[in-house]
Structures are given as C-alpha cells and as structure tokens.
Amino acid sequence: EIFSKKFLLYEIPQKTNVEIEKEAWNLYFHQNFEKALILFREIVEKNPNDATWWNSIAMCEYELYQYKQALISINKALELKNESIYVLNKACILTEYGEYT
C-alpha cells in the first residue's frame, strides 16, 4: 500500500553523515554534551574504525564526568590511531578519573 506506515517509514529522508556530523559538533560546541554524545555514537556505528569519532565520544563522556567510560573510548581511539592529541586527552581523563576513584 502506498500509504501504509511501512511505506512512510522508508520514504522519510535520512540525514547524511555530513549533516549528522555538523549537528553533533554544533551540539558539542554549544555544550550540549548529552545530545552530541548520542550523535557521535550514531556516527561511530557507521565508522567504527575512525579514531576521530571515538575521541569525540570520549570528550563528551569526559565533559559529562563519565570518566571510566571516557577512558574506554579514548583507549579505542588510541588503538586505532596513536595521535598526540588523543594521548593528551587520555591524560586529562586520567587526571580527573584519579580524583574520583
């Protein structure tokens, strides 16, 4: 059927990765870390081997005081790509995490 719910769901235009990325960064820079985290996780589902998105997730988790989870995420980023900025971010996470454990 043309007007069935199933048909309508398939016809709803999906956001492109670029649109989702822009929205995620906009949310992040406006300090809406919870919503940015949701979008970064959506992006990483499509690009699980891109260290940039794991780092972005880690930084949202860091800003939300989720230090243990941020450590897991930043370690994944470092596993994929050993960048100095990721090492610095990990140091920040460990510094804060140590204060709360």
Protein backbone atom coordinates (compact mmCIF):
# COMPACT_ATOMS: atom_id res chain seq x y z
CA GLU A 1 0.00 0.00 0.00
CA ILE A 2 1.21 3.46 -0.82
CA PHE A 3 0.05 4.99 2.45
CA SER A 4 0.98 2.23 4.84
CA LYS A 5 3.15 3.03 7.87
CA LYS A 6 5.89 0.82 6.48
CA PHE A 7 5.92 2.75 3.20
CA LEU A 8 6.05 6.07 5.00
CA LEU A 9 8.98 4.99 7.17
CA TYR A 10 11.01 4.03 4.13
CA GLU A 11 10.20 7.29 2.39
CA ILE A 12 11.35 9.56 5.23
CA PRO A 13 14.62 11.09 4.08
CA GLN A 14 17.55 10.05 6.23
CA LYS A 15 20.15 12.56 7.31
CA THR A 16 23.51 12.22 5.62
CA ASN A 17 26.65 11.55 7.62
CA VAL A 18 27.83 15.09 6.95
CA GLU A 19 24.60 16.53 8.34
CA ILE A 20 24.84 14.35 11.44
CA GLU A 21 28.49 15.31 11.93
CA LYS A 22 27.70 19.02 11.66
CA GLU A 23 24.83 18.68 14.10
CA ALA A 24 26.98 16.70 16.55
CA TRP A 25 29.76 19.30 16.51
CA ASN A 26 27.25 22.13 16.83
CA LEU A 27 25.77 20.47 19.91
CA TYR A 28 29.24 19.81 21.34
CA PHE A 29 30.41 23.40 20.90
CA HIS A 30 27.17 24.63 22.48
CA GLN A 31 27.95 22.35 25.45
CA ASN A 32 25.00 20.05 24.86
CA PHE A 33 27.17 17.03 25.51
CA GLU A 34 24.36 14.51 26.09
CA LYS A 35 22.83 15.06 22.66
CA ALA A 36 26.22 15.34 20.96
CA LEU A 37 27.19 12.01 22.52
CA ILE A 38 24.13 10.34 21.04
CA LEU A 39 25.02 11.59 17.57
CA PHE A 40 28.72 10.72 17.89
CA ARG A 41 27.72 7.19 18.88
CA GLU A 42 25.47 7.02 15.83
CA ILE A 43 28.41 8.11 13.67
CA VAL A 44 30.77 5.57 15.22
CA GLU A 45 28.29 2.79 14.48
CA LYS A 46 28.75 3.60 10.79
CA ASN A 47 32.50 4.27 11.10
CA PRO A 48 33.80 2.03 13.90
CA ASN A 49 37.41 2.22 12.72
CA ASP A 50 37.68 6.01 12.70
CA ALA A 51 39.58 7.20 15.74
CA THR A 52 38.21 10.74 15.40
CA TRP A 53 34.74 9.66 16.44
CA TRP A 54 35.96 7.55 19.36
CA ASN A 55 37.89 10.60 20.57
CA SER A 56 34.77 12.74 20.18
CA ILE A 57 32.78 10.25 22.24
CA ALA A 58 35.50 10.22 24.89
CA MET A 59 35.47 14.00 25.13
CA CYS A 60 31.68 14.10 25.55
CA GLU A 61 31.89 11.45 28.24
CA TYR A 62 34.69 13.43 29.89
CA GLU A 63 32.56 16.58 29.92
CA LEU A 64 29.71 14.55 31.44
CA TYR A 65 32.01 13.25 34.21
CA GLN A 66 31.76 9.70 32.85
CA TYR A 67 35.49 9.16 33.30
CA LYS A 68 35.54 5.37 33.29
CA GLN A 69 33.61 5.22 30.01
CA ALA A 70 35.70 8.08 28.57
CA LEU A 71 38.82 6.07 29.30
CA ILE A 72 37.43 3.09 27.39
CA SER A 73 36.54 5.31 24.42
CA ILE A 74 39.87 7.15 24.31
CA ASN A 75 41.72 3.84 24.51
CA LYS A 76 39.76 2.69 21.46
CA ALA A 77 40.78 5.88 19.63
CA LEU A 78 44.42 5.29 20.55
CA GLU A 79 44.20 1.67 19.46
CA LEU A 80 43.06 2.83 16.03
CA LYS A 81 45.43 5.78 15.69
CA ASN A 82 48.18 6.91 18.02
CA GLU A 83 47.81 10.70 17.84
CA SER A 84 49.38 13.06 20.34
CA ILE A 85 46.05 14.86 20.91
CA TYR A 86 44.47 11.55 21.92
CA VAL A 87 47.31 10.95 24.38
CA LEU A 88 46.75 14.41 25.82
CA ASN A 89 43.02 13.77 26.10
CA LYS A 90 43.73 10.48 27.87
CA ALA A 91 45.98 12.30 30.33
CA CYS A 92 43.16 14.74 31.11
CA ILE A 93 40.71 11.88 31.62
CA LEU A 94 43.13 10.01 33.89
CA THR A 95 43.79 13.15 35.92
CA GLU A 96 40.09 13.68 36.59
CA TYR A 97 39.32 9.98 36.99
CA GLY A 98 42.00 9.67 39.65
CA GLU A 99 40.32 12.37 41.71
CA TYR A 100 37.03 10.45 41.77
CA THR A 101 38.22 6.92 42.41
